Structures are given as C-alpha cells and as structure tokens.
Amino acid sequence: MPITRWNTDLSVGVEKLDTDHQQLIATMNTVFDALLQGNSASTARKALLTLQEYVNDHFLREEKWMLKNAYVELDRHKQEHDALRQHVARLLELPQHSDDQLAVEMLVVLRDWLLGHIARSDRAAAH
C-alpha cells in the first residue's frame, strides 16, 4: 500500500527533476511497505538506507540544476534539503527494536514535508 502516489499536480515542469521526484516517492513507498508488512528490522533499515542515499543524490542533482539556472533562493532551498536529510537520519537512528508505529508516523511526516516541498519550493525554482 503506497504512502503516496505521483501525479501531475506534483510536476515542476522540469523532466529530470520530475523523474527524480517520481523515484523518490517510489523509494519512500518501499520503506513504508517494509514497515507496514512487518519485515525484519534489517529489511526496513536497508530500505531506509536506500531512501537516504536517493535523497542525498537527488538533492545534489537538484542543487546543481538550481546553481546552473542561477536560482536566487538556492541557499534557503539547501536549508530545506538539510532539514529533510536530518529527518531521514533520525529515522535511521531509531533502535531496530523500536515501535514500528513511530517509524510509520515519522515517515508520514516525511511524506507531508516532501510533497509540500515539491509543490512549493521545487515548483518555484523551476519557474
């Protein structure tokens, strides 16, 4: 069961960023499924590590694109990215035996943050 789905309302109008965002959502759904299905802690952790890696890679690509396009709000945008990186790191710091419900709640916060970030900040940068 996906935590969210990609739709055209999330498009920022830049194909490579939209493709990245689609993959980011798919990766987040993989983590969510691992937690909901009660997979082993190591499986959930691997999914979270994949999410962390993709978040870091995507943010670097996006920030390079913004720099290339002389986006004036780049510093503020980087701060938003840093906040999400910290949130993902906190998910990884949860003890492997911790309540999965807490991890799911943190993932919902992550989803809401990400969707809002794409809709507001990324779209503003693309236009």
Protein backbone atom coordinates (compact mmCIF):
# COMPACT_ATOMS: atom_id res chain seq x y z
CA MET A 1 0.00 0.00 0.00
CA PRO A 2 1.70 3.22 -1.12
CA ILE A 3 2.04 6.11 1.31
CA THR A 4 1.53 8.44 -1.65
CA ARG A 5 1.42 8.35 -5.42
CA TRP A 6 2.97 10.53 -8.08
CA ASN A 7 0.52 12.65 -10.02
CA THR A 8 0.82 15.51 -12.48
CA ASP A 9 -0.02 18.03 -9.76
CA LEU A 10 3.47 17.32 -8.41
CA SER A 11 5.17 18.10 -11.71
CA VAL A 12 7.57 21.02 -11.56
CA GLY A 13 7.85 21.13 -15.34
CA VAL A 14 11.48 20.01 -15.50
CA GLU A 15 11.66 16.44 -16.75
CA LYS A 16 14.80 15.36 -14.91
CA LEU A 17 13.52 16.78 -11.61
CA ASP A 18 10.09 15.21 -12.13
CA THR A 19 11.74 11.85 -12.83
CA ASP A 20 13.80 12.19 -9.65
CA HIS A 21 10.70 13.08 -7.63
CA GLN A 22 8.86 10.05 -9.01
CA GLN A 23 11.73 7.80 -7.95
CA LEU A 24 11.89 9.47 -4.55
CA ILE A 25 8.20 8.75 -3.98
CA ALA A 26 8.64 5.15 -5.16
CA THR A 27 11.55 4.69 -2.74
CA MET A 28 9.54 6.19 0.11
CA ASN A 29 6.72 3.74 -0.70
CA THR A 30 9.19 0.85 -0.48
CA VAL A 31 10.20 1.96 3.03
CA PHE A 32 6.56 2.37 4.04
CA ASP A 33 5.69 -1.12 2.75
CA ALA A 34 8.65 -2.64 4.60
CA LEU A 35 7.44 -1.09 7.85
CA LEU A 36 3.77 -1.94 7.37
CA GLN A 37 4.39 -5.51 6.35
CA GLY A 38 6.39 -6.15 9.48
CA ASN A 39 9.51 -7.10 7.55
CA SER A 40 12.63 -7.74 9.54
CA ALA A 41 14.36 -4.75 11.06
CA SER A 42 17.29 -5.29 8.71
CA THR A 43 14.99 -5.16 5.65
CA ALA A 44 13.38 -1.94 6.86
CA ARG A 45 16.81 -0.48 7.62
CA LYS A 46 18.08 -1.36 4.13
CA ALA A 47 15.05 0.37 2.63
CA LEU A 48 15.72 3.46 4.78
CA LEU A 49 19.37 3.49 3.75
CA THR A 50 18.29 3.36 0.11
CA LEU A 51 15.94 6.28 0.77
CA GLN A 52 18.73 8.24 2.46
CA GLU A 53 21.09 7.61 -0.44
CA TYR A 54 18.49 8.63 -3.01
CA VAL A 55 17.55 11.77 -1.05
CA ASN A 56 21.21 12.82 -0.91
CA ASP A 57 21.80 12.08 -4.60
CA HIS A 58 18.61 13.85 -5.69
CA PHE A 59 19.31 16.94 -3.60
CA LEU A 60 22.80 17.24 -5.07
CA ARG A 61 21.41 16.98 -8.61
CA GLU A 62 18.64 19.47 -7.85
CA GLU A 63 21.01 21.96 -6.21
CA LYS A 64 23.40 21.73 -9.18
CA TRP A 65 20.47 22.40 -11.52
CA MET A 66 19.46 25.41 -9.42
CA LEU A 67 23.02 26.75 -9.39
CA LYS A 68 23.27 26.33 -13.17
CA ASN A 69 19.98 28.21 -13.56
CA ALA A 70 21.03 30.97 -11.10
CA TYR A 71 18.16 30.30 -8.70
CA VAL A 72 18.29 33.20 -6.22
CA GLU A 73 16.74 31.21 -3.35
CA LEU A 74 19.30 28.40 -3.54
CA ASP A 75 20.65 28.93 -0.01
CA ARG A 76 17.17 28.79 1.51
CA HIS A 77 16.37 25.75 -0.61
CA LYS A 78 19.53 24.00 0.61
CA GLN A 79 18.40 24.64 4.19
CA GLU A 80 15.11 22.90 3.42
CA HIS A 81 17.03 19.97 1.96
CA ASP A 82 19.21 19.80 5.07
CA ALA A 83 16.08 19.60 7.23
CA LEU A 84 14.85 16.58 5.29
CA ARG A 85 18.27 14.94 5.43
CA GLN A 86 18.16 15.30 9.22
CA HIS A 87 14.68 13.79 9.36
CA VAL A 88 15.79 10.74 7.38
CA ALA A 89 18.86 10.42 9.64
CA ARG A 90 16.56 10.45 12.70
CA LEU A 91 14.55 7.60 11.18
CA LEU A 92 17.77 5.62 10.84
CA GLU A 93 18.70 6.37 14.46
CA LEU A 94 15.58 4.67 15.78
CA PRO A 95 16.52 1.47 17.59
CA GLN A 96 15.88 -1.57 15.42
CA HIS A 97 13.56 -2.90 18.09
CA SER A 98 11.58 0.33 18.36
CA ASP A 99 7.87 0.57 17.76
CA ASP A 100 7.18 0.39 14.02
CA GLN A 101 4.28 2.76 14.59
CA LEU A 102 6.73 5.52 15.49
CA ALA A 103 8.67 4.90 12.30
CA VAL A 104 5.45 4.98 10.27
CA GLU A 105 4.44 8.27 11.90
CA MET A 106 7.85 9.75 11.12
CA LEU A 107 7.55 8.53 7.54
CA VAL A 108 4.15 10.23 7.23
CA VAL A 109 5.77 13.48 8.40
CA LEU A 110 8.50 12.91 5.81
CA ARG A 111 5.89 12.36 3.10
CA ASP A 112 3.99 15.51 4.00
CA TRP A 113 7.20 17.53 4.08
CA LEU A 114 8.36 16.14 0.74
CA LEU A 115 5.06 16.71 -1.06
CA GLY A 116 4.84 20.25 0.29
CA HIS A 117 8.45 20.92 -0.67
CA ILE A 118 7.91 19.72 -4.24
CA ALA A 119 4.67 21.67 -4.61
CA ARG A 120 6.07 24.93 -3.19
CA SER A 121 9.82 25.22 -3.28
CA ASP A 122 10.76 23.00 -6.21
CA ARG A 123 7.99 24.38 -8.40
CA ALA A 124 9.06 27.94 -7.56
CA ALA A 125 12.64 27.11 -8.50
CA ALA A 126 11.56 25.63 -11.83
CA HIS A 127 9.60 28.70 -12.89
